Amino acid sequence: MAEIRRWGKPKRSLSFKLCAMIKSEEINLIQPVIDTERLELHHISGADLITLFEDRDDRPILDKAEISNPHRVLVDFQGPLHWRVPQVKVDASCNKWFVRFIVQKNSREVIGSTSFHGVPDENGMIEIGLGIESDFQNQGYAKEALMGMWKWALEQPGVKSFRYTVSPENAPSIKVVEHFGFPFIGVQIDEEDGPENIYEISVADFKTKFGD
């Protein structure tokens, strides 16, 4: 935020105070848990996301949700946080779309994480990313978490299509997106990851396949 200079002792206007209060509320806001058959998807507030990234401290998140993180998800490997945290610092309101811990209901353990890449773009497209710890792969957890996230997104204004991008070499992830029937629409070159297959489905077609 640009610095406001005044002569003499600065006085904060009511609008300035209100703006600061709104921003404080946004960065501490936690979205409701997304509940699926075997999983809970716990949203991380903007403030806790920054703490997790900068201090590698997940305790505030775990204490609030009464969950555990024995696999140190997003503590040791922080992949998506490198992109999400700078976005949150610019505009905390976008954090509603961001990182959730994937929690196994019966153990209350974090087994992965998922996040949309940003708010819907000008065409209403939104892209998602997801990671599941190796001990819990090939058990349907990725599909279950994705379905939970997409059904949540259906209720948000401005969403018109879902996108999923994956390396052509990542057979397990391709299998997951093909399970949902997402059409293959092309290839893009990612600056860090190289070629990626693009799969995308309209919200209308998604609802036809899976309901609201």
N, C-alpha and C. Protein backbone atom coordinates (compact mmCIF):
# COMPACT_ATOMS: atom_id res chain seq x y z
N MET A 1 0.84 -1.19 0.00
CA MET A 1 0.00 0.00 0.00
C MET A 1 0.88 1.25 0.00
N ALA A 2 0.53 2.25 -0.83
CA ALA A 2 1.32 3.47 -0.91
C ALA A 2 1.23 4.23 0.40
N GLU A 3 2.34 4.89 0.77
CA GLU A 3 2.37 5.65 2.01
C GLU A 3 1.64 6.98 1.82
N ILE A 4 0.80 7.34 2.79
CA ILE A 4 0.10 8.62 2.76
C ILE A 4 0.85 9.60 3.65
N ARG A 5 1.31 10.71 3.09
CA ARG A 5 2.09 11.69 3.85
C ARG A 5 1.20 12.87 4.23
N ARG A 6 1.30 13.30 5.48
CA ARG A 6 0.58 14.48 5.93
C ARG A 6 1.54 15.34 6.75
N TRP A 7 1.27 16.65 6.75
CA TRP A 7 2.04 17.54 7.61
C TRP A 7 1.48 17.43 9.02
N GLY A 8 2.39 17.44 10.00
CA GLY A 8 1.94 17.33 11.37
C GLY A 8 1.61 15.89 11.73
N LYS A 9 0.93 15.71 12.84
CA LYS A 9 0.60 14.38 13.33
C LYS A 9 -0.51 13.77 12.47
N PRO A 10 -0.28 12.57 11.90
CA PRO A 10 -1.30 11.96 11.04
C PRO A 10 -2.52 11.57 11.84
N LYS A 11 -3.70 11.76 11.22
CA LYS A 11 -4.95 11.33 11.83
C LYS A 11 -5.62 10.33 10.90
N ARG A 12 -5.96 9.19 11.44
CA ARG A 12 -6.59 8.16 10.62
C ARG A 12 -8.08 8.48 10.46
N SER A 13 -8.52 8.53 9.22
CA SER A 13 -9.93 8.77 8.96
C SER A 13 -10.73 7.51 9.26
N LEU A 14 -12.06 7.66 9.35
CA LEU A 14 -12.92 6.51 9.59
C LEU A 14 -12.79 5.49 8.47
N SER A 15 -12.71 5.98 7.21
CA SER A 15 -12.59 5.06 6.08
C SER A 15 -11.28 4.30 6.13
N PHE A 16 -10.21 4.96 6.56
CA PHE A 16 -8.91 4.30 6.69
C PHE A 16 -9.00 3.18 7.71
N LYS A 17 -9.62 3.49 8.86
CA LYS A 17 -9.76 2.48 9.92
C LYS A 17 -10.63 1.32 9.44
N LEU A 18 -11.72 1.64 8.72
CA LEU A 18 -12.60 0.59 8.22
C LEU A 18 -11.88 -0.29 7.23
N CYS A 19 -11.09 0.32 6.34
CA CYS A 19 -10.32 -0.44 5.37
C CYS A 19 -9.36 -1.39 6.07
N ALA A 20 -8.66 -0.89 7.08
CA ALA A 20 -7.71 -1.73 7.81
C ALA A 20 -8.43 -2.87 8.52
N MET A 21 -9.62 -2.58 9.06
CA MET A 21 -10.39 -3.61 9.76
C MET A 21 -10.84 -4.69 8.80
N ILE A 22 -11.32 -4.29 7.61
CA ILE A 22 -11.77 -5.25 6.61
C ILE A 22 -10.62 -6.14 6.17
N LYS A 23 -9.44 -5.54 5.93
CA LYS A 23 -8.30 -6.33 5.51
C LYS A 23 -7.88 -7.31 6.59
N SER A 24 -7.95 -6.87 7.85
CA SER A 24 -7.62 -7.75 8.96
C SER A 24 -8.58 -8.92 9.02
N GLU A 25 -9.86 -8.66 8.80
CA GLU A 25 -10.86 -9.73 8.82
C GLU A 25 -10.61 -10.71 7.68
N GLU A 26 -10.29 -10.20 6.49
CA GLU A 26 -10.09 -11.06 5.34
C GLU A 26 -8.91 -12.00 5.54
N ILE A 27 -7.82 -11.50 6.09
CA ILE A 27 -6.63 -12.33 6.21
C ILE A 27 -6.78 -13.38 7.30
N ASN A 28 -7.74 -13.19 8.19
CA ASN A 28 -7.98 -14.16 9.26
C ASN A 28 -9.20 -15.04 9.00
N LEU A 29 -9.86 -14.81 7.87
CA LEU A 29 -11.09 -15.54 7.56
C LEU A 29 -10.80 -16.99 7.20
N ILE A 30 -11.59 -17.91 7.76
CA ILE A 30 -11.48 -19.33 7.44
C ILE A 30 -12.79 -19.79 6.83
N GLN A 31 -12.73 -20.40 5.65
CA GLN A 31 -13.92 -20.93 5.00
C GLN A 31 -14.40 -22.19 5.72
N PRO A 32 -15.70 -22.49 5.64
CA PRO A 32 -16.22 -23.72 6.27
C PRO A 32 -15.53 -24.97 5.72
N VAL A 33 -15.45 -25.99 6.56
CA VAL A 33 -14.86 -27.27 6.16
C VAL A 33 -15.71 -27.90 5.06
N ILE A 34 -15.05 -28.44 4.04
CA ILE A 34 -15.73 -29.22 3.01
C ILE A 34 -15.71 -30.68 3.47
N ASP A 35 -16.89 -31.25 3.58
CA ASP A 35 -17.04 -32.60 4.13
C ASP A 35 -17.35 -33.60 3.02
N THR A 36 -16.56 -34.67 2.91
CA THR A 36 -16.83 -35.75 1.97
C THR A 36 -16.96 -37.05 2.75
N GLU A 37 -17.09 -38.16 2.05
CA GLU A 37 -17.33 -39.44 2.74
C GLU A 37 -16.23 -39.79 3.73
N ARG A 38 -14.97 -39.67 3.31
CA ARG A 38 -13.85 -40.08 4.17
C ARG A 38 -12.94 -38.94 4.57
N LEU A 39 -13.21 -37.75 4.04
CA LEU A 39 -12.27 -36.64 4.20
C LEU A 39 -12.95 -35.38 4.73
N GLU A 40 -12.12 -34.54 5.33
CA GLU A 40 -12.48 -33.16 5.62
C GLU A 40 -11.43 -32.27 4.98
N LEU A 41 -11.86 -31.25 4.28
CA LEU A 41 -10.94 -30.32 3.62
C LEU A 41 -10.95 -29.02 4.41
N HIS A 42 -9.87 -28.81 5.18
CA HIS A 42 -9.78 -27.68 6.12
C HIS A 42 -9.07 -26.49 5.48
N HIS A 43 -9.80 -25.40 5.35
CA HIS A 43 -9.25 -24.18 4.78
C HIS A 43 -8.27 -23.53 5.76
N ILE A 44 -7.20 -22.94 5.21
CA ILE A 44 -6.18 -22.26 6.01
C ILE A 44 -6.32 -20.75 5.80
N SER A 45 -6.43 -20.00 6.87
CA SER A 45 -6.56 -18.55 6.75
C SER A 45 -5.31 -17.95 6.12
N GLY A 46 -5.45 -16.73 5.59
CA GLY A 46 -4.30 -16.06 5.00
C GLY A 46 -3.18 -15.85 6.00
N ALA A 47 -3.54 -15.46 7.22
CA ALA A 47 -2.52 -15.23 8.25
C ALA A 47 -1.78 -16.51 8.59
N ASP A 48 -2.52 -17.61 8.74
CA ASP A 48 -1.87 -18.89 9.07
C ASP A 48 -1.07 -19.43 7.89
N LEU A 49 -1.51 -19.12 6.68
CA LEU A 49 -0.77 -19.55 5.49
C LEU A 49 0.60 -18.88 5.45
N ILE A 50 0.62 -17.59 5.76
CA ILE A 50 1.89 -16.85 5.79
C ILE A 50 2.81 -17.41 6.87
N THR A 51 2.25 -17.69 8.05
CA THR A 51 3.05 -18.26 9.14
C THR A 51 3.60 -19.63 8.76
N LEU A 52 2.77 -20.43 8.12
CA LEU A 52 3.21 -21.76 7.69
C LEU A 52 4.36 -21.66 6.71
N PHE A 53 4.28 -20.70 5.80
CA PHE A 53 5.31 -20.54 4.78
C PHE A 53 6.59 -19.93 5.34
N GLU A 54 6.46 -18.87 6.10
CA GLU A 54 7.64 -18.13 6.54
C GLU A 54 8.30 -18.74 7.77
N ASP A 55 7.52 -19.33 8.66
CA ASP A 55 8.07 -19.90 9.89
C ASP A 55 8.04 -21.42 9.91
N ARG A 56 7.45 -22.02 8.89
CA ARG A 56 7.25 -23.49 8.85
C ARG A 56 6.57 -23.98 10.13
N ASP A 57 5.59 -23.21 10.55
CA ASP A 57 4.88 -23.51 11.80
C ASP A 57 3.41 -23.81 11.47
N ASP A 58 3.02 -25.08 11.65
CA ASP A 58 1.64 -25.46 11.37
C ASP A 58 0.78 -25.56 12.62
N ARG A 59 1.35 -25.26 13.77
CA ARG A 59 0.62 -25.44 15.03
C ARG A 59 -0.66 -24.60 15.14
N PRO A 60 -0.65 -23.33 14.71
CA PRO A 60 -1.91 -22.57 14.80
C PRO A 60 -3.05 -23.23 14.03
N ILE A 61 -2.72 -23.80 12.87
CA ILE A 61 -3.75 -24.45 12.05
C ILE A 61 -4.24 -25.72 12.72
N LEU A 62 -3.30 -26.53 13.18
CA LEU A 62 -3.65 -27.82 13.78
C LEU A 62 -4.45 -27.64 15.06
N ASP A 63 -4.07 -26.66 15.87
CA ASP A 63 -4.77 -26.43 17.13
C ASP A 63 -6.22 -26.00 16.90
N LYS A 64 -6.43 -25.12 15.93
CA LYS A 64 -7.79 -24.64 15.66
C LYS A 64 -8.69 -25.77 15.16
N ALA A 65 -8.15 -26.62 14.31
CA ALA A 65 -8.96 -27.67 13.68
C ALA A 65 -8.95 -28.98 14.45
N GLU A 66 -8.11 -29.07 15.47
CA GLU A 66 -7.97 -30.31 16.26
C GLU A 66 -7.61 -31.49 15.35
N ILE A 67 -6.54 -31.29 14.59
CA ILE A 67 -6.02 -32.31 13.69
C ILE A 67 -4.52 -32.43 13.91
N SER A 68 -3.91 -33.47 13.29
CA SER A 68 -2.46 -33.66 13.41
C SER A 68 -1.84 -33.73 12.02
N ASN A 69 -0.54 -33.46 11.97
CA ASN A 69 0.17 -33.45 10.69
C ASN A 69 1.47 -34.24 10.79
N PRO A 70 1.38 -35.55 11.06
CA PRO A 70 2.59 -36.35 11.24
C PRO A 70 3.44 -36.46 9.98
N HIS A 71 2.83 -36.25 8.82
CA HIS A 71 3.57 -36.36 7.56
C HIS A 71 4.16 -35.01 7.13
N ARG A 72 3.94 -33.99 7.95
CA ARG A 72 4.51 -32.65 7.75
C ARG A 72 4.16 -32.08 6.36
N VAL A 73 2.90 -32.27 6.00
CA VAL A 73 2.41 -31.74 4.73
C VAL A 73 2.53 -30.22 4.73
N LEU A 74 3.13 -29.67 3.69
CA LEU A 74 3.38 -28.24 3.49
C LEU A 74 4.35 -27.64 4.50
N VAL A 75 4.94 -28.47 5.33
CA VAL A 75 5.99 -28.00 6.24
C VAL A 75 7.35 -28.29 5.62
N ASP A 76 7.58 -29.53 5.24
CA ASP A 76 8.85 -29.90 4.61
C ASP A 76 8.88 -29.50 3.14
N PHE A 77 7.86 -29.90 2.38
CA PHE A 77 7.76 -29.50 0.98
C PHE A 77 6.63 -28.48 0.87
N GLN A 78 6.98 -27.26 0.50
CA GLN A 78 6.01 -26.16 0.55
C GLN A 78 5.51 -25.74 -0.82
N GLY A 79 5.74 -26.56 -1.83
CA GLY A 79 5.39 -26.28 -3.21
C GLY A 79 4.40 -25.16 -3.48
N PRO A 80 3.09 -25.38 -3.27
CA PRO A 80 2.11 -24.36 -3.67
C PRO A 80 2.19 -23.06 -2.88
N LEU A 81 2.78 -23.10 -1.69
CA LEU A 81 2.83 -21.89 -0.87
C LEU A 81 3.69 -20.80 -1.51
N HIS A 82 4.66 -21.20 -2.34
CA HIS A 82 5.52 -20.22 -3.01
C HIS A 82 4.71 -19.30 -3.92
N TRP A 83 3.58 -19.80 -4.43
CA TRP A 83 2.73 -18.99 -5.30
C TRP A 83 1.56 -18.38 -4.54
N ARG A 84 0.98 -19.12 -3.62
CA ARG A 84 -0.23 -18.65 -2.94
C ARG A 84 0.06 -17.52 -1.96
N VAL A 85 1.14 -17.61 -1.19
CA VAL A 85 1.41 -16.59 -0.18
C VAL A 85 1.59 -15.19 -0.79
N PRO A 86 2.38 -15.02 -1.86
CA PRO A 86 2.47 -13.69 -2.47
C PRO A 86 1.12 -13.17 -2.94
N GLN A 87 0.26 -14.07 -3.44
CA GLN A 87 -1.07 -13.64 -3.87
C GLN A 87 -1.88 -13.12 -2.68
N VAL A 88 -1.80 -13.83 -1.56
CA VAL A 88 -2.55 -13.43 -0.36
C VAL A 88 -2.06 -12.09 0.16
N LYS A 89 -0.75 -11.86 0.09
CA LYS A 89 -0.20 -10.59 0.58
C LYS A 89 -0.67 -9.41 -0.26
N VAL A 90 -0.93 -9.65 -1.53
CA VAL A 90 -1.43 -8.58 -2.40
C VAL A 90 -2.92 -8.35 -2.18
N ASP A 91 -3.68 -9.45 -2.07
CA ASP A 91 -5.13 -9.34 -1.91
C ASP A 91 -5.63 -10.52 -1.08
N ALA A 92 -5.85 -10.30 0.20
CA ALA A 92 -6.25 -11.38 1.11
C ALA A 92 -7.61 -11.97 0.76
N SER A 93 -8.44 -11.22 0.03
CA SER A 93 -9.77 -11.73 -0.29
C SER A 93 -9.72 -12.95 -1.21
N CYS A 94 -8.63 -13.09 -1.96
CA CYS A 94 -8.53 -14.23 -2.88
C CYS A 94 -8.24 -15.54 -2.14
N ASN A 95 -7.90 -15.43 -0.85
CA ASN A 95 -7.50 -16.64 -0.11
C ASN A 95 -8.64 -17.64 0.06
N LYS A 96 -9.89 -17.22 -0.12
CA LYS A 96 -11.01 -18.16 0.00
C LYS A 96 -10.86 -19.32 -0.99
N TRP A 97 -10.12 -19.09 -2.09
CA TRP A 97 -9.94 -20.11 -3.11
C TRP A 97 -8.72 -20.98 -2.86
N PHE A 98 -7.97 -20.67 -1.83
CA PHE A 98 -6.64 -21.26 -1.72
C PHE A 98 -6.58 -22.47 -0.80
N VAL A 99 -5.49 -22.63 -0.12
CA VAL A 99 -5.03 -23.93 0.40
C VAL A 99 -5.94 -24.52 1.47
N ARG A 100 -6.19 -25.81 1.32
CA ARG A 100 -6.89 -26.61 2.32
C ARG A 100 -6.06 -27.86 2.62
N PHE A 101 -5.98 -28.20 3.88
CA PHE A 101 -5.43 -29.48 4.28
C PHE A 101 -6.46 -30.57 3.99
N ILE A 102 -6.00 -31.68 3.43
CA ILE A 102 -6.85 -32.85 3.22
C ILE A 102 -6.69 -33.74 4.44
N VAL A 103 -7.76 -33.90 5.21
CA VAL A 103 -7.70 -34.60 6.49
C VAL A 103 -8.51 -35.89 6.42
N GLN A 104 -7.88 -36.99 6.82
CA GLN A 104 -8.56 -38.28 6.90
C GLN A 104 -9.45 -38.27 8.15
N LYS A 105 -10.73 -38.54 7.96
CA LYS A 105 -11.68 -38.43 9.08
C LYS A 105 -11.35 -39.38 10.23
N ASN A 106 -11.07 -40.64 9.90
CA ASN A 106 -10.95 -41.63 10.98
C ASN A 106 -9.69 -41.45 11.82
N SER A 107 -8.65 -40.85 11.25
CA SER A 107 -7.40 -40.66 12.00
C SER A 107 -7.18 -39.22 12.43
N ARG A 108 -7.90 -38.27 11.80
CA ARG A 108 -7.71 -36.83 12.02
C ARG A 108 -6.32 -36.38 11.59
N GLU A 109 -5.71 -37.13 10.66
CA GLU A 109 -4.38 -36.80 10.15
C GLU A 109 -4.47 -36.08 8.81
N VAL A 110 -3.58 -35.12 8.61
CA VAL A 110 -3.44 -34.47 7.32
C VAL A 110 -2.72 -35.43 6.37
N ILE A 111 -3.33 -35.72 5.22
CA ILE A 111 -2.73 -36.65 4.26
C ILE A 111 -2.41 -35.99 2.92
N GLY A 112 -2.66 -34.69 2.83
CA GLY A 112 -2.37 -33.98 1.59
C GLY A 112 -2.88 -32.56 1.65
N SER A 113 -2.83 -31.90 0.50
CA SER A 113 -3.35 -30.53 0.42
C SER A 113 -3.89 -30.27 -0.98
N THR A 114 -4.74 -29.28 -1.08
CA THR A 114 -5.32 -28.91 -2.36
C THR A 114 -5.59 -27.42 -2.38
N SER A 115 -5.58 -26.84 -3.57
CA SER A 115 -5.80 -25.40 -3.69
C SER A 115 -6.15 -25.05 -5.13
N PHE A 116 -7.07 -24.12 -5.30
CA PHE A 116 -7.22 -23.51 -6.61
C PHE A 116 -6.04 -22.56 -6.82
N HIS A 117 -5.72 -22.29 -8.08
CA HIS A 117 -4.56 -21.46 -8.40
C HIS A 117 -4.84 -19.97 -8.27
N GLY A 118 -6.10 -19.61 -8.22
CA GLY A 118 -6.46 -18.21 -8.12
C GLY A 118 -7.96 -18.06 -8.21
N VAL A 119 -8.41 -16.83 -8.31
CA VAL A 119 -9.84 -16.57 -8.50
C VAL A 119 -10.20 -16.92 -9.94
N PRO A 120 -11.48 -17.07 -10.25
CA PRO A 120 -11.87 -17.32 -11.65
C PRO A 120 -11.35 -16.21 -12.56
N ASP A 121 -10.84 -16.59 -13.74
CA ASP A 121 -10.32 -15.58 -14.66
C ASP A 121 -11.47 -14.88 -15.39
N GLU A 122 -11.12 -14.06 -16.38
CA GLU A 122 -12.14 -13.27 -17.07
C GLU A 122 -13.16 -14.13 -17.81
N ASN A 123 -12.80 -15.39 -18.07
CA ASN A 123 -13.73 -16.31 -18.73
C ASN A 123 -14.44 -17.24 -17.73
N GLY A 124 -14.18 -17.03 -16.45
CA GLY A 124 -14.81 -17.87 -15.44
C GLY A 124 -14.12 -19.20 -15.23
N MET A 125 -12.89 -19.34 -15.77
CA MET A 125 -12.15 -20.59 -15.61
C MET A 125 -11.37 -20.58 -14.31
N ILE A 126 -11.36 -21.73 -13.65
CA ILE A 126 -10.59 -21.88 -12.42
C ILE A 126 -9.83 -23.20 -12.47
N GLU A 127 -8.56 -23.15 -12.05
CA GLU A 127 -7.68 -24.32 -12.12
C GLU A 127 -7.34 -24.80 -10.71
N ILE A 128 -7.16 -26.10 -10.57
CA ILE A 128 -6.91 -26.67 -9.25
C ILE A 128 -5.60 -27.46 -9.24
N GLY A 129 -4.99 -27.55 -8.06
CA GLY A 129 -3.83 -28.41 -7.83
C GLY A 129 -4.07 -29.25 -6.59
N LEU A 130 -3.36 -30.36 -6.49
CA LEU A 130 -3.60 -31.29 -5.38
C LEU A 130 -2.39 -32.17 -5.17
N GLY A 131 -2.14 -32.55 -3.92
CA GLY A 131 -1.08 -33.50 -3.60
C GLY A 131 -1.52 -34.42 -2.48
N ILE A 132 -1.27 -35.71 -2.64
CA ILE A 132 -1.59 -36.72 -1.62
C ILE A 132 -0.30 -37.41 -1.20
N GLU A 133 -0.09 -37.58 0.10
CA GLU A 133 1.09 -38.28 0.59
C GLU A 133 1.15 -39.70 0.02
N SER A 134 2.37 -40.17 -0.26
CA SER A 134 2.56 -41.45 -0.96
C SER A 134 1.87 -42.62 -0.27
N ASP A 135 1.85 -42.63 1.06
CA ASP A 135 1.24 -43.75 1.79
C ASP A 135 -0.27 -43.83 1.57
N PHE A 136 -0.85 -42.76 1.04
CA PHE A 136 -2.31 -42.72 0.90
C PHE A 136 -2.76 -42.63 -0.56
N GLN A 137 -1.82 -42.80 -1.47
CA GLN A 137 -2.16 -42.76 -2.89
C GLN A 137 -2.81 -44.07 -3.33
N ASN A 138 -3.50 -43.99 -4.47
CA ASN A 138 -4.18 -45.16 -5.07
C ASN A 138 -5.27 -45.72 -4.17
N GLN A 139 -5.87 -44.84 -3.37
CA GLN A 139 -6.99 -45.26 -2.51
C GLN A 139 -8.23 -44.40 -2.77
N GLY A 140 -8.19 -43.61 -3.83
CA GLY A 140 -9.34 -42.79 -4.19
C GLY A 140 -9.44 -41.46 -3.47
N TYR A 141 -8.44 -41.13 -2.67
CA TYR A 141 -8.51 -39.88 -1.91
C TYR A 141 -8.41 -38.65 -2.81
N ALA A 142 -7.58 -38.72 -3.84
CA ALA A 142 -7.44 -37.57 -4.75
C ALA A 142 -8.77 -37.28 -5.44
N LYS A 143 -9.43 -38.32 -5.94
CA LYS A 143 -10.72 -38.13 -6.61
C LYS A 143 -11.75 -37.55 -5.65
N GLU A 144 -11.75 -38.05 -4.43
CA GLU A 144 -12.72 -37.59 -3.44
C GLU A 144 -12.49 -36.12 -3.07
N ALA A 145 -11.23 -35.74 -2.90
CA ALA A 145 -10.91 -34.35 -2.57
C ALA A 145 -11.24 -33.42 -3.73
N LEU A 146 -10.91 -33.82 -4.94
CA LEU A 146 -11.21 -33.00 -6.10
C LEU A 146 -12.71 -32.78 -6.24
N MET A 147 -13.48 -33.84 -6.09
CA MET A 147 -14.93 -33.71 -6.21
C MET A 147 -15.47 -32.75 -5.14
N GLY A 148 -14.93 -32.85 -3.93
CA GLY A 148 -15.36 -31.93 -2.88
C GLY A 148 -15.06 -30.48 -3.22
N MET A 149 -13.87 -30.23 -3.75
CA MET A 149 -13.48 -28.87 -4.12
C MET A 149 -14.32 -28.34 -5.28
N TRP A 150 -14.53 -29.16 -6.29
CA TRP A 150 -15.30 -28.71 -7.44
C TRP A 150 -16.76 -28.45 -7.07
N LYS A 151 -17.33 -29.28 -6.22
CA LYS A 151 -18.72 -29.05 -5.82
C LYS A 151 -18.84 -27.78 -4.97
N TRP A 152 -17.81 -27.49 -4.18
CA TRP A 152 -17.79 -26.21 -3.45
C TRP A 152 -17.74 -25.06 -4.44
N ALA A 153 -16.90 -25.18 -5.47
CA ALA A 153 -16.73 -24.10 -6.45
C ALA A 153 -18.00 -23.85 -7.24
N LEU A 154 -18.83 -24.89 -7.42
CA LEU A 154 -20.09 -24.72 -8.14
C LEU A 154 -20.98 -23.68 -7.47
N GLU A 155 -20.83 -23.52 -6.16
CA GLU A 155 -21.68 -22.60 -5.40
C GLU A 155 -21.14 -21.17 -5.40
N GLN A 156 -19.96 -20.96 -5.98
CA GLN A 156 -19.33 -19.64 -5.96
C GLN A 156 -19.67 -18.87 -7.23
N PRO A 157 -19.92 -17.58 -7.13
CA PRO A 157 -20.27 -16.79 -8.32
C PRO A 157 -19.10 -16.66 -9.29
N GLY A 158 -19.44 -16.64 -10.57
CA GLY A 158 -18.45 -16.36 -11.60
C GLY A 158 -17.70 -17.56 -12.13
N VAL A 159 -17.96 -18.76 -11.62
CA VAL A 159 -17.24 -19.95 -12.08
C VAL A 159 -17.99 -20.58 -13.25
N LYS A 160 -17.29 -20.73 -14.39
CA LYS A 160 -17.92 -21.27 -15.59
C LYS A 160 -17.24 -22.53 -16.11
N SER A 161 -15.98 -22.76 -15.72
CA SER A 161 -15.31 -23.98 -16.18
C SER A 161 -14.21 -24.37 -15.20
N PHE A 162 -13.91 -25.67 -15.18
CA PHE A 162 -12.84 -26.21 -14.34
C PHE A 162 -11.70 -26.68 -15.24
N ARG A 163 -10.47 -26.36 -14.83
CA ARG A 163 -9.29 -26.78 -15.59
C ARG A 163 -8.36 -27.59 -14.70
N TYR A 164 -7.69 -28.56 -15.33
CA TYR A 164 -6.71 -29.41 -14.63
C TYR A 164 -5.55 -29.60 -15.60
N THR A 165 -4.34 -29.21 -15.20
CA THR A 165 -3.17 -29.39 -16.05
C THR A 165 -2.22 -30.38 -15.40
N VAL A 166 -1.57 -31.18 -16.24
CA VAL A 166 -0.72 -32.25 -15.72
C VAL A 166 0.36 -32.60 -16.74
N SER A 167 1.52 -32.98 -16.24
CA SER A 167 2.60 -33.42 -17.12
C SER A 167 2.17 -34.66 -17.90
N PRO A 168 2.53 -34.75 -19.18
CA PRO A 168 2.21 -35.95 -19.96
C PRO A 168 2.84 -37.21 -19.38
N GLU A 169 3.86 -37.04 -18.52
CA GLU A 169 4.53 -38.19 -17.91
C GLU A 169 3.86 -38.64 -16.61
N ASN A 170 2.91 -37.86 -16.12
CA ASN A 170 2.27 -38.16 -14.84
C ASN A 170 1.03 -39.02 -15.07
N ALA A 171 1.25 -40.30 -15.28
CA ALA A 171 0.15 -41.22 -15.60
C ALA A 171 -0.92 -41.28 -14.52
N PRO A 172 -0.56 -41.33 -13.22
CA PRO A 172 -1.60 -41.40 -12.19
C PRO A 172 -2.55 -40.20 -12.21
N SER A 173 -2.00 -38.99 -12.39
CA SER A 173 -2.85 -37.80 -12.42
C SER A 173 -3.71 -37.75 -13.67
N ILE A 174 -3.16 -38.21 -14.78
CA ILE A 174 -3.95 -38.28 -16.01
C ILE A 174 -5.12 -39.24 -15.82
N LYS A 175 -4.86 -40.35 -15.15
CA LYS A 175 -5.91 -41.33 -14.88
C LYS A 175 -7.02 -40.71 -14.04
N VAL A 176 -6.63 -39.88 -13.07
CA VAL A 176 -7.62 -39.23 -12.20
C VAL A 176 -8.51 -38.29 -13.01
N VAL A 177 -7.92 -37.42 -13.82
CA VAL A 177 -8.72 -36.43 -14.54
C VAL A 177 -9.56 -37.10 -15.63
N GLU A 178 -9.06 -38.18 -16.22
CA GLU A 178 -9.85 -38.91 -17.21
C GLU A 178 -11.02 -39.62 -16.56
N HIS A 179 -10.86 -39.99 -15.29
CA HIS A 179 -11.97 -40.60 -14.55
C HIS A 179 -13.17 -39.65 -14.50
N PHE A 180 -12.90 -38.35 -14.41
CA PHE A 180 -13.97 -37.37 -14.35
C PHE A 180 -14.48 -36.97 -15.74
N GLY A 181 -13.84 -37.46 -16.78
CA GLY A 181 -14.30 -37.17 -18.13
C GLY A 181 -13.98 -35.78 -18.63
N PHE A 182 -12.93 -35.16 -18.08
CA PHE A 182 -12.54 -33.84 -18.56
C PHE A 182 -11.96 -33.97 -19.97
N PRO A 183 -12.45 -33.21 -20.94
CA PRO A 183 -11.89 -33.27 -22.29
C PRO A 183 -10.46 -32.72 -22.33
N PHE A 184 -9.62 -33.36 -23.13
CA PHE A 184 -8.26 -32.86 -23.39
C PHE A 184 -8.38 -31.75 -24.43
N ILE A 185 -7.86 -30.55 -24.11
CA ILE A 185 -8.03 -29.43 -25.04
C ILE A 185 -6.73 -28.90 -25.62
N GLY A 186 -5.57 -29.43 -25.17
CA GLY A 186 -4.31 -28.95 -25.73
C GLY A 186 -3.15 -29.11 -24.78
N VAL A 187 -2.03 -28.49 -25.16
CA VAL A 187 -0.79 -28.57 -24.38
C VAL A 187 -0.27 -27.15 -24.15
N GLN A 188 0.24 -26.90 -22.95
CA GLN A 188 0.90 -25.63 -22.67
C GLN A 188 2.31 -25.90 -22.16
N ILE A 189 3.17 -24.89 -22.26
CA ILE A 189 4.53 -25.01 -21.75
C ILE A 189 4.64 -24.20 -20.47
N ASP A 190 4.80 -24.90 -19.36
CA ASP A 190 4.98 -24.24 -18.07
C ASP A 190 6.44 -23.83 -17.91
N GLU A 191 6.68 -22.64 -17.35
CA GLU A 191 8.04 -22.12 -17.21
C GLU A 191 8.92 -23.04 -16.38
N GLU A 192 8.35 -23.70 -15.38
CA GLU A 192 9.14 -24.55 -14.49
C GLU A 192 8.98 -26.03 -14.80
N ASP A 193 7.76 -26.44 -15.16
CA ASP A 193 7.47 -27.87 -15.29
C ASP A 193 7.51 -28.38 -16.72
N GLY A 194 7.67 -27.49 -17.70
CA GLY A 194 7.71 -27.93 -19.08
C GLY A 194 6.33 -28.20 -19.65
N PRO A 195 6.21 -29.13 -20.62
CA PRO A 195 4.91 -29.39 -21.26
C PRO A 195 3.88 -29.91 -20.26
N GLU A 196 2.66 -29.42 -20.40
CA GLU A 196 1.55 -29.88 -19.57
C GLU A 196 0.31 -30.09 -20.43
N ASN A 197 -0.35 -31.21 -20.24
CA ASN A 197 -1.63 -31.44 -20.88
C ASN A 197 -2.70 -30.59 -20.19
N ILE A 198 -3.59 -30.02 -20.98
CA ILE A 198 -4.68 -29.20 -20.44
C ILE A 198 -5.99 -29.96 -20.60
N TYR A 199 -6.69 -30.12 -19.49
CA TYR A 199 -8.02 -30.73 -19.49
C TYR A 199 -8.99 -29.70 -18.92
N GLU A 200 -10.14 -29.55 -19.57
CA GLU A 200 -11.08 -28.53 -19.11
C GLU A 200 -12.52 -28.95 -19.40
N ILE A 201 -13.40 -28.64 -18.46
CA ILE A 201 -14.81 -28.97 -18.62
C ILE A 201 -15.65 -27.77 -18.18
N SER A 202 -16.74 -27.52 -18.88
CA SER A 202 -17.63 -26.43 -18.48
C SER A 202 -18.41 -26.84 -17.24
N VAL A 203 -18.82 -25.86 -16.47
CA VAL A 203 -19.64 -26.14 -15.29
C VAL A 203 -20.94 -26.82 -15.70
N ALA A 204 -21.50 -26.40 -16.83
CA ALA A 204 -22.75 -27.02 -17.30
C ALA A 204 -22.56 -28.51 -17.56
N ASP A 205 -21.46 -28.87 -18.24
CA ASP A 205 -21.20 -30.29 -18.52
C ASP A 205 -20.87 -31.06 -17.25
N PHE A 206 -20.17 -30.41 -16.32
CA PHE A 206 -19.85 -31.05 -15.05
C PHE A 206 -21.14 -31.37 -14.29
N LYS A 207 -22.06 -30.43 -14.26
CA LYS A 207 -23.33 -30.65 -13.57
C LYS A 207 -24.13 -31.77 -14.24
N THR A 208 -24.05 -31.85 -15.56
CA THR A 208 -24.75 -32.92 -16.27
C THR A 208 -24.22 -34.28 -15.86
N LYS A 209 -22.90 -34.36 -15.68
CA LYS A 209 -22.27 -35.63 -15.31
C LYS A 209 -22.49 -35.98 -13.84
N PHE A 210 -22.36 -34.98 -12.97
CA PHE A 210 -22.29 -35.26 -11.53
C PHE A 210 -23.37 -34.58 -10.69
N GLY A 211 -24.20 -33.77 -11.29
CA GLY A 211 -25.22 -33.07 -10.52
C GLY A 211 -24.67 -31.83 -9.86
N ASP A 212 -25.54 -31.09 -9.19
CA ASP A 212 -25.12 -29.85 -8.52
C ASP A 212 -24.31 -30.15 -7.27
